Amino acid sequence: MSNQTGPTSFSGKLASCMNNLRHGSTAKSLFLASENPEDFFKLLANFFEQYQPSFDHDAALVARAVHDHWILLRRERTADTFEKALHDRKPDPAKWLASELHEMHLFDRYKTEAARAANRSLKNLQIMQKMARDEQKWQLHLAKQKETFAPDLECWQQQADKQEEPVPSEPAVKQTVYIGLENGRARHYETTPTNTQLRLRLLPTDQITRVYNFVGGVPPKYEHLITPDAYRNGSSTSVQKIYTFEEWNNLVATE
């Protein structure tokens, strides 16, 4: 049996790159939903303009330094946000719990690890500068590095598009009414929940979905709910209508 290596298609890798993402301190994704990829590419262009690598190996060192610096900025933001929130909740550090101090220690450790990685990358760039030649090929390498980060950008964009998709709002409350037609007049058999029960639960901002189930035909009082081409006089007819709280309240007052 062959070993499982995960998704191999481009779309599969994009879908999986956000898996198991918990918080920014240990995230492996290049872009988080709260981050702007343009800031990263501005940093990338700045580093390439400053160090102007002439060879593939040098370009990779610059890209590595940008990546490490980006992660360091993220870790610093995360640690600062956590500590500020903790101070806002408990201004007196003497009242902090051991678990909260442990969390601060973890964030500091993540930040320290990222700082060490960023410092190593900067030292590599300093060595590279000493050995660099005068050839100006850094623009080409910048374009190549942008291409390598394109999947991460597309992954981030997919996540951003999903978050921006409008979620259809549905009425929070539903009421089912069974109405019969006897001798040409309407007769209410059952209302679930009852109007009294429902009124106790409703807020003025609520919407109510009312499902009318007509048995033996549709009484004239309710014919306006049925479209002209609907079947009005059969053994059963069902129709659904959405009301605002005010509309529903006015309706049940006449029943």
C-alpha atoms as a PDB file:
ATOM      1  CA  MET A   1       0.000   0.000   0.000  1.00  0.00           C
ATOM      2  CA  SER A   2       1.366   3.399  -0.974  1.00  0.00           C
ATOM      3  CA  ASN A   3       1.803   6.117   1.635  1.00  0.00           C
ATOM      4  CA  GLN A   4      -0.779   8.908   1.737  1.00  0.00           C
ATOM      5  CA  THR A   5       0.837  12.198   0.750  1.00  0.00           C
ATOM      6  CA  GLY A   6      -2.196  14.499   0.899  1.00  0.00           C
ATOM      7  CA  PRO A   7      -3.798  16.401  -1.995  1.00  0.00           C
ATOM      8  CA  THR A   8      -1.759  16.528  -5.199  1.00  0.00           C
ATOM      9  CA  SER A   9      -3.932  18.779  -7.344  1.00  0.00           C
ATOM     10  CA  PHE A  10      -3.503  22.549  -7.266  1.00  0.00           C
ATOM     11  CA  SER A  11      -7.100  23.118  -6.074  1.00  0.00           C
ATOM     12  CA  GLY A  12      -6.706  20.447  -3.401  1.00  0.00           C
ATOM     13  CA  LYS A  13      -3.577  22.084  -2.014  1.00  0.00           C
ATOM     14  CA  LEU A  14      -5.311  25.469  -1.941  1.00  0.00           C
ATOM     15  CA  ALA A  15      -8.241  23.989  -0.021  1.00  0.00           C
ATOM     16  CA  SER A  16      -6.002  22.278   2.513  1.00  0.00           C
ATOM     17  CA  CYS A  17      -3.604  25.141   3.192  1.00  0.00           C
ATOM     18  CA  MET A  18      -6.028  26.660   5.739  1.00  0.00           C
ATOM     19  CA  ASN A  19      -6.671  23.385   7.575  1.00  0.00           C
ATOM     20  CA  ASN A  20      -6.026  23.224  11.327  1.00  0.00           C
ATOM     21  CA  LEU A  21      -5.539  26.999  11.599  1.00  0.00           C
ATOM     22  CA  ARG A  22      -6.088  27.997  15.231  1.00  0.00           C
ATOM     23  CA  HIS A  23      -4.360  31.303  15.941  1.00  0.00           C
ATOM     24  CA  GLY A  24      -1.683  33.492  14.445  1.00  0.00           C
ATOM     25  CA  SER A  25       1.193  32.570  16.764  1.00  0.00           C
ATOM     26  CA  THR A  26       1.710  29.079  15.335  1.00  0.00           C
ATOM     27  CA  ALA A  27      -0.014  29.471  11.952  1.00  0.00           C
ATOM     28  CA  LYS A  28       1.748  27.966   8.944  1.00  0.00           C
ATOM     29  CA  SER A  29      -0.281  29.856   6.347  1.00  0.00           C
ATOM     30  CA  LEU A  30       1.501  32.787   4.792  1.00  0.00           C
ATOM     31  CA  PHE A  31      -1.598  35.016   4.956  1.00  0.00           C
ATOM     32  CA  LEU A  32      -4.206  35.071   7.704  1.00  0.00           C
ATOM     33  CA  ALA A  33      -7.706  36.370   7.073  1.00  0.00           C
ATOM     34  CA  SER A  34      -6.942  39.485   9.135  1.00  0.00           C
ATOM     35  CA  GLU A  35      -3.801  40.307   7.133  1.00  0.00           C
ATOM     36  CA  ASN A  36      -3.404  42.231   3.881  1.00  0.00           C
ATOM     37  CA  PRO A  37      -1.184  40.454   1.315  1.00  0.00           C
ATOM     38  CA  GLU A  38      -0.327  43.846  -0.209  1.00  0.00           C
ATOM     39  CA  ASP A  39       1.657  44.656   2.941  1.00  0.00           C
ATOM     40  CA  PHE A  40       3.714  41.501   2.431  1.00  0.00           C
ATOM     41  CA  PHE A  41       4.458  42.259  -1.208  1.00  0.00           C
ATOM     42  CA  LYS A  42       5.434  45.822  -0.338  1.00  0.00           C
ATOM     43  CA  LEU A  43       7.887  44.365   2.185  1.00  0.00           C
ATOM     44  CA  LEU A  44       9.113  41.908  -0.435  1.00  0.00           C
ATOM     45  CA  ALA A  45       9.732  44.693  -2.968  1.00  0.00           C
ATOM     46  CA  ASN A  46      11.475  46.803  -0.335  1.00  0.00           C
ATOM     47  CA  PHE A  47      13.873  44.005   0.581  1.00  0.00           C
ATOM     48  CA  PHE A  48      14.655  43.207  -3.060  1.00  0.00           C
ATOM     49  CA  GLU A  49      15.266  46.862  -3.820  1.00  0.00           C
ATOM     50  CA  GLN A  50      17.553  47.199  -0.804  1.00  0.00           C
ATOM     51  CA  TYR A  51      19.616  44.029  -1.316  1.00  0.00           C
ATOM     52  CA  GLN A  52      19.233  43.630  -5.107  1.00  0.00           C
ATOM     53  CA  PRO A  53      20.195  39.941  -5.403  1.00  0.00           C
ATOM     54  CA  SER A  54      21.816  38.916  -8.667  1.00  0.00           C
ATOM     55  CA  PHE A  55      21.565  35.113  -8.377  1.00  0.00           C
ATOM     56  CA  ASP A  56      18.820  32.593  -7.635  1.00  0.00           C
ATOM     57  CA  HIS A  57      20.435  31.576  -4.350  1.00  0.00           C
ATOM     58  CA  ASP A  58      20.675  35.206  -3.219  1.00  0.00           C
ATOM     59  CA  ALA A  59      17.059  35.866  -4.236  1.00  0.00           C
ATOM     60  CA  ALA A  60      15.953  32.897  -2.149  1.00  0.00           C
ATOM     61  CA  LEU A  61      17.847  34.300   0.855  1.00  0.00           C
ATOM     62  CA  VAL A  62      16.069  37.651   0.491  1.00  0.00           C
ATOM     63  CA  ALA A  63      12.670  35.960   0.147  1.00  0.00           C
ATOM     64  CA  ARG A  64      13.446  33.874   3.241  1.00  0.00           C
ATOM     65  CA  ALA A  65      14.311  37.011   5.194  1.00  0.00           C
ATOM     66  CA  VAL A  66      11.054  38.670   4.129  1.00  0.00           C
ATOM     67  CA  HIS A  67       9.087  35.608   5.194  1.00  0.00           C
ATOM     68  CA  ASP A  68      10.810  35.478   8.608  1.00  0.00           C
ATOM     69  CA  HIS A  69      10.281  39.203   9.143  1.00  0.00           C
ATOM     70  CA  TRP A  70       6.599  38.856   8.208  1.00  0.00           C
ATOM     71  CA  ILE A  71       6.130  36.068  10.756  1.00  0.00           C
ATOM     72  CA  LEU A  72       7.950  38.116  13.409  1.00  0.00           C
ATOM     73  CA  LEU A  73       5.575  41.051  12.836  1.00  0.00           C
ATOM     74  CA  ARG A  74       2.629  38.667  13.188  1.00  0.00           C
ATOM     75  CA  ARG A  75       3.968  37.167  16.428  1.00  0.00           C
ATOM     76  CA  GLU A  76       4.567  40.634  17.867  1.00  0.00           C
ATOM     77  CA  ARG A  77       1.023  41.730  16.994  1.00  0.00           C
ATOM     78  CA  THR A  78      -0.434  38.574  18.525  1.00  0.00           C
ATOM     79  CA  ALA A  79       1.550  38.911  21.748  1.00  0.00           C
ATOM     80  CA  ASP A  80       0.748  42.623  22.079  1.00  0.00           C
ATOM     81  CA  THR A  81      -2.959  42.017  21.464  1.00  0.00           C
ATOM     82  CA  PHE A  82      -3.100  39.253  24.066  1.00  0.00           C
ATOM     83  CA  GLU A  83      -1.250  41.292  26.689  1.00  0.00           C
ATOM     84  CA  LYS A  84      -3.424  44.382  26.062  1.00  0.00           C
ATOM     85  CA  ALA A  85      -6.594  42.320  26.406  1.00  0.00           C
ATOM     86  CA  LEU A  86      -5.275  40.826  29.635  1.00  0.00           C
ATOM     87  CA  HIS A  87      -4.442  44.266  31.044  1.00  0.00           C
ATOM     88  CA  ASP A  88      -7.882  45.544  30.029  1.00  0.00           C
ATOM     89  CA  ARG A  89      -9.552  42.681  31.893  1.00  0.00           C
ATOM     90  CA  LYS A  90      -7.226  42.747  34.907  1.00  0.00           C
ATOM     91  CA  PRO A  91      -5.198  45.968  35.292  1.00  0.00           C
ATOM     92  CA  ASP A  92      -3.461  44.529  38.384  1.00  0.00           C
ATOM     93  CA  PRO A  93      -0.908  41.849  37.260  1.00  0.00           C
ATOM     94  CA  ALA A  94      -0.943  40.441  40.785  1.00  0.00           C
ATOM     95  CA  LYS A  95      -4.419  39.092  40.043  1.00  0.00           C
ATOM     96  CA  TRP A  96      -3.430  37.230  36.882  1.00  0.00           C
ATOM     97  CA  LEU A  97      -3.974  33.482  36.925  1.00  0.00           C
ATOM     98  CA  ALA A  98      -1.211  30.955  36.381  1.00  0.00           C
ATOM     99  CA  SER A  99      -2.885  29.892  33.123  1.00  0.00           C
ATOM    100  CA  GLU A 100      -2.830  33.504  31.869  1.00  0.00           C
ATOM    101  CA  LEU A 101       0.830  33.887  32.761  1.00  0.00           C
ATOM    102  CA  HIS A 102       1.518  30.615  30.953  1.00  0.00           C
ATOM    103  CA  GLU A 103      -0.238  31.957  27.846  1.00  0.00           C
ATOM    104  CA  MET A 104       1.908  35.105  27.985  1.00  0.00           C
ATOM    105  CA  HIS A 105       5.012  32.948  28.282  1.00  0.00           C
ATOM    106  CA  LEU A 106       3.966  30.961  25.203  1.00  0.00           C
ATOM    107  CA  PHE A 107       3.392  34.098  23.160  1.00  0.00           C
ATOM    108  CA  ASP A 108       6.780  35.475  24.261  1.00  0.00           C
ATOM    109  CA  ARG A 109       8.420  32.205  23.278  1.00  0.00           C
ATOM    110  CA  TYR A 110       6.802  32.258  19.835  1.00  0.00           C
ATOM    111  CA  LYS A 111       7.944  35.859  19.390  1.00  0.00           C
ATOM    112  CA  THR A 112      11.500  35.006  20.494  1.00  0.00           C
ATOM    113  CA  GLU A 113      11.689  32.063  18.062  1.00  0.00           C
ATOM    114  CA  ALA A 114      10.513  34.293  15.222  1.00  0.00           C
ATOM    115  CA  ALA A 115      13.038  37.011  16.180  1.00  0.00           C
ATOM    116  CA  ARG A 116      15.898  34.496  16.115  1.00  0.00           C
ATOM    117  CA  ALA A 117      14.851  33.258  12.678  1.00  0.00           C
ATOM    118  CA  ALA A 118      14.599  36.834  11.386  1.00  0.00           C
ATOM    119  CA  ASN A 119      18.043  37.680  12.783  1.00  0.00           C
ATOM    120  CA  ARG A 120      19.601  34.634  11.125  1.00  0.00           C
ATOM    121  CA  SER A 121      18.077  35.676   7.816  1.00  0.00           C
ATOM    122  CA  LEU A 122      19.419  39.221   8.177  1.00  0.00           C
ATOM    123  CA  LYS A 123      22.922  37.882   8.883  1.00  0.00           C
ATOM    124  CA  ASN A 124      22.697  35.798   5.716  1.00  0.00           C
ATOM    125  CA  LEU A 125      21.747  38.928   3.774  1.00  0.00           C
ATOM    126  CA  GLN A 126      24.720  40.814   5.226  1.00  0.00           C
ATOM    127  CA  ILE A 127      27.025  38.014   4.063  1.00  0.00           C
ATOM    128  CA  MET A 128      25.331  38.035   0.667  1.00  0.00           C
ATOM    129  CA  GLN A 129      25.874  41.770   0.294  1.00  0.00           C
ATOM    130  CA  LYS A 130      29.593  41.356   0.901  1.00  0.00           C
ATOM    131  CA  MET A 131      29.782  38.712  -1.856  1.00  0.00           C
ATOM    132  CA  ALA A 132      27.300  40.301  -4.261  1.00  0.00           C
ATOM    133  CA  ARG A 133      28.298  41.356  -7.752  1.00  0.00           C
ATOM    134  CA  ASP A 134      27.178  44.471  -9.594  1.00  0.00           C
ATOM    135  CA  GLU A 135      24.709  42.762 -11.939  1.00  0.00           C
ATOM    136  CA  GLN A 136      21.221  44.248 -11.556  1.00  0.00           C
ATOM    137  CA  LYS A 137      18.934  41.235 -11.885  1.00  0.00           C
ATOM    138  CA  TRP A 138      16.880  41.704  -8.780  1.00  0.00           C
ATOM    139  CA  GLN A 139      13.745  42.857 -10.654  1.00  0.00           C
ATOM    140  CA  LEU A 140      13.561  39.522 -12.483  1.00  0.00           C
ATOM    141  CA  HIS A 141      14.024  37.603  -9.242  1.00  0.00           C
ATOM    142  CA  LEU A 142      11.341  39.677  -7.568  1.00  0.00           C
ATOM    143  CA  ALA A 143       8.858  38.660 -10.268  1.00  0.00           C
ATOM    144  CA  LYS A 144       9.852  34.997  -9.849  1.00  0.00           C
ATOM    145  CA  GLN A 145       9.377  35.153  -6.086  1.00  0.00           C
ATOM    146  CA  LYS A 146       5.953  36.744  -6.528  1.00  0.00           C
ATOM    147  CA  GLU A 147       4.991  33.755  -8.663  1.00  0.00           C
ATOM    148  CA  THR A 148       6.075  31.348  -5.916  1.00  0.00           C
ATOM    149  CA  PHE A 149       3.811  33.150  -3.449  1.00  0.00           C
ATOM    150  CA  ALA A 150       0.849  33.243  -5.871  1.00  0.00           C
ATOM    151  CA  PRO A 151      -0.802  30.066  -4.440  1.00  0.00           C
ATOM    152  CA  ASP A 152      -0.751  31.588  -0.966  1.00  0.00           C
ATOM    153  CA  LEU A 153      -2.330  34.771  -2.308  1.00  0.00           C
ATOM    154  CA  GLU A 154      -5.030  32.812  -4.123  1.00  0.00           C
ATOM    155  CA  CYS A 155      -5.702  30.739  -1.007  1.00  0.00           C
ATOM    156  CA  TRP A 156      -6.111  33.896   1.044  1.00  0.00           C
ATOM    157  CA  GLN A 157      -8.391  35.397  -1.607  1.00  0.00           C
ATOM    158  CA  GLN A 158     -10.609  32.295  -1.592  1.00  0.00           C
ATOM    159  CA  GLN A 159     -10.998  32.555   2.167  1.00  0.00           C
ATOM    160  CA  ALA A 160     -11.744  36.288   1.912  1.00  0.00           C
ATOM    161  CA  ASP A 161     -14.386  35.666  -0.787  1.00  0.00           C
ATOM    162  CA  LYS A 162     -16.088  33.026   1.373  1.00  0.00           C
ATOM    163  CA  GLN A 163     -16.253  35.439   4.311  1.00  0.00           C
ATOM    164  CA  GLU A 164     -17.763  38.156   2.117  1.00  0.00           C
ATOM    165  CA  GLU A 165     -20.506  35.916   0.718  1.00  0.00           C
ATOM    166  CA  PRO A 166     -23.841  37.145   2.115  1.00  0.00           C
ATOM    167  CA  VAL A 167     -25.564  34.647   4.340  1.00  0.00           C
ATOM    168  CA  PRO A 168     -29.277  34.500   3.530  1.00  0.00           C
ATOM    169  CA  SER A 169     -31.288  35.545   6.537  1.00  0.00           C
ATOM    170  CA  GLU A 170     -34.074  33.220   7.577  1.00  0.00           C
ATOM    171  CA  PRO A 171     -36.928  34.009   9.934  1.00  0.00           C
ATOM    172  CA  ALA A 172     -36.088  32.747  13.396  1.00  0.00           C
ATOM    173  CA  VAL A 173     -39.681  31.753  14.230  1.00  0.00           C
ATOM    174  CA  LYS A 174     -42.053  29.361  12.489  1.00  0.00           C
ATOM    175  CA  GLN A 175     -45.758  28.793  13.061  1.00  0.00           C
ATOM    176  CA  THR A 176     -47.948  26.147  11.437  1.00  0.00           C
ATOM    177  CA  VAL A 177     -51.701  26.671  11.055  1.00  0.00           C
ATOM    178  CA  TYR A 178     -54.278  24.063  10.015  1.00  0.00           C
ATOM    179  CA  ILE A 179     -57.465  25.604   8.610  1.00  0.00           C
ATOM    180  CA  GLY A 180     -60.539  23.811   7.248  1.00  0.00           C
ATOM    181  CA  LEU A 181     -63.358  24.908   4.951  1.00  0.00           C
ATOM    182  CA  GLU A 182     -66.760  23.964   6.368  1.00  0.00           C
ATOM    183  CA  ASN A 183     -69.966  25.282   4.878  1.00  0.00           C
ATOM    184  CA  GLY A 184     -68.031  27.992   3.084  1.00  0.00           C
ATOM    185  CA  ARG A 185     -66.495  29.336   6.291  1.00  0.00           C
ATOM    186  CA  ALA A 186     -63.020  29.019   7.782  1.00  0.00           C
ATOM    187  CA  ARG A 187     -62.431  26.797  10.793  1.00  0.00           C
ATOM    188  CA  HIS A 188     -59.122  26.740  12.675  1.00  0.00           C
ATOM    189  CA  TYR A 189     -58.203  23.214  13.691  1.00  0.00           C
ATOM    190  CA  GLU A 190     -54.736  23.693  15.143  1.00  0.00           C
ATOM    191  CA  THR A 191     -52.048  26.392  15.503  1.00  0.00           C
ATOM    192  CA  THR A 192     -48.538  25.323  16.548  1.00  0.00           C
ATOM    193  CA  PRO A 193     -47.201  27.073  18.531  1.00  0.00           C
ATOM    194  CA  THR A 194     -50.292  28.959  19.601  1.00  0.00           C
ATOM    195  CA  ASN A 195     -50.438  32.713  19.154  1.00  0.00           C
ATOM    196  CA  THR A 196     -50.201  33.188  22.917  1.00  0.00           C
ATOM    197  CA  GLN A 197     -47.122  30.938  23.195  1.00  0.00           C
ATOM    198  CA  LEU A 198     -45.465  32.619  20.249  1.00  0.00           C
ATOM    199  CA  ARG A 199     -46.116  36.145  21.501  1.00  0.00           C
ATOM    200  CA  LEU A 200     -44.140  35.357  24.675  1.00  0.00           C
ATOM    201  CA  ARG A 201     -41.091  34.452  22.580  1.00  0.00           C
ATOM    202  CA  LEU A 202     -41.157  37.146  19.944  1.00  0.00           C
ATOM    203  CA  LEU A 203     -39.141  40.319  19.743  1.00  0.00           C
ATOM    204  CA  PRO A 204     -40.212  43.396  17.727  1.00  0.00           C
ATOM    205  CA  THR A 205     -37.346  42.697  15.293  1.00  0.00           C
ATOM    206  CA  ASP A 206     -38.344  39.063  14.614  1.00  0.00           C
ATOM    207  CA  GLN A 207     -39.784  37.687  11.411  1.00  0.00           C
ATOM    208  CA  ILE A 208     -42.330  34.889  11.464  1.00  0.00           C
ATOM    209  CA  THR A 209     -42.779  32.217   8.839  1.00  0.00           C
ATOM    210  CA  ARG A 210     -46.373  31.052   8.825  1.00  0.00           C
ATOM    211  CA  VAL A 211     -47.233  27.791   7.068  1.00  0.00           C
ATOM    212  CA  TYR A 212     -50.898  27.548   6.183  1.00  0.00           C
ATOM    213  CA  ASN A 213     -52.278  24.047   5.623  1.00  0.00           C
ATOM    214  CA  PHE A 214     -55.797  24.236   4.171  1.00  0.00           C
ATOM    215  CA  VAL A 215     -57.967  21.119   4.398  1.00  0.00           C
ATOM    216  CA  GLY A 216     -61.021  20.764   2.164  1.00  0.00           C
ATOM    217  CA  GLY A 217     -60.291  23.925   0.210  1.00  0.00           C
ATOM    218  CA  VAL A 218     -59.237  27.495   0.890  1.00  0.00           C
ATOM    219  CA  PRO A 219     -61.724  29.724   2.748  1.00  0.00           C
ATOM    220  CA  PRO A 220     -62.485  33.025   0.970  1.00  0.00           C
ATOM    221  CA  LYS A 221     -60.819  34.925   3.819  1.00  0.00           C
ATOM    222  CA  TYR A 222     -57.490  33.358   2.894  1.00  0.00           C
ATOM    223  CA  GLU A 223     -57.755  33.212  -0.893  1.00  0.00           C
ATOM    224  CA  HIS A 224     -55.477  36.247  -1.193  1.00  0.00           C
ATOM    225  CA  LEU A 225     -52.585  34.030  -0.025  1.00  0.00           C
ATOM    226  CA  ILE A 226     -52.948  31.728  -3.029  1.00  0.00           C
ATOM    227  CA  THR A 227     -51.628  32.738  -6.438  1.00  0.00           C
ATOM    228  CA  PRO A 228     -54.192  32.863  -9.246  1.00  0.00           C
ATOM    229  CA  ASP A 229     -52.841  29.722 -10.882  1.00  0.00           C
ATOM    230  CA  ALA A 230     -52.746  27.743  -7.600  1.00  0.00           C
ATOM    231  CA  TYR A 231     -55.133  24.914  -6.820  1.00  0.00           C
ATOM    232  CA  ARG A 232     -57.711  26.374  -4.415  1.00  0.00           C
ATOM    233  CA  ASN A 233     -60.491  23.783  -4.051  1.00  0.00           C
ATOM    234  CA  GLY A 234     -58.695  20.479  -3.718  1.00  0.00           C
ATOM    235  CA  SER A 235     -58.594  18.221  -0.661  1.00  0.00           C
ATOM    236  CA  SER A 236     -55.514  20.056   0.697  1.00  0.00           C
ATOM    237  CA  THR A 237     -53.437  23.108  -0.116  1.00  0.00           C
ATOM    238  CA  SER A 238     -50.323  24.435   1.630  1.00  0.00           C
ATOM    239  CA  VAL A 239     -48.770  27.884   1.399  1.00  0.00           C
ATOM    240  CA  GLN A 240     -46.007  29.705   3.268  1.00  0.00           C
ATOM    241  CA  LYS A 241     -45.797  33.425   4.022  1.00  0.00           C
ATOM    242  CA  ILE A 242     -43.272  35.555   5.938  1.00  0.00           C
ATOM    243  CA  TYR A 243     -44.508  38.338   8.221  1.00  0.00           C
ATOM    244  CA  THR A 244     -42.830  41.056  10.223  1.00  0.00           C
ATOM    245  CA  PHE A 245     -43.695  41.149  13.916  1.00  0.00           C
ATOM    246  CA  GLU A 246     -46.127  44.035  13.360  1.00  0.00           C
ATOM    247  CA  GLU A 247     -47.845  42.291  10.434  1.00  0.00           C
ATOM    248  CA  TRP A 248     -48.188  39.054  12.369  1.00  0.00           C
ATOM    249  CA  ASN A 249     -49.495  40.835  15.468  1.00  0.00           C
ATOM    250  CA  ASN A 250     -52.156  42.641  13.425  1.00  0.00           C
ATOM    251  CA  LEU A 251     -53.116  39.392  11.709  1.00  0.00           C
ATOM    252  CA  VAL A 252     -53.638  37.278  14.823  1.00  0.00           C
ATOM    253  CA  ALA A 253     -55.684  40.079  16.393  1.00  0.00           C
ATOM    254  CA  THR A 254     -58.381  39.377  13.752  1.00  0.00           C
ATOM    255  CA  GLU A 255     -58.398  35.594  14.159  1.00  0.00           C
END
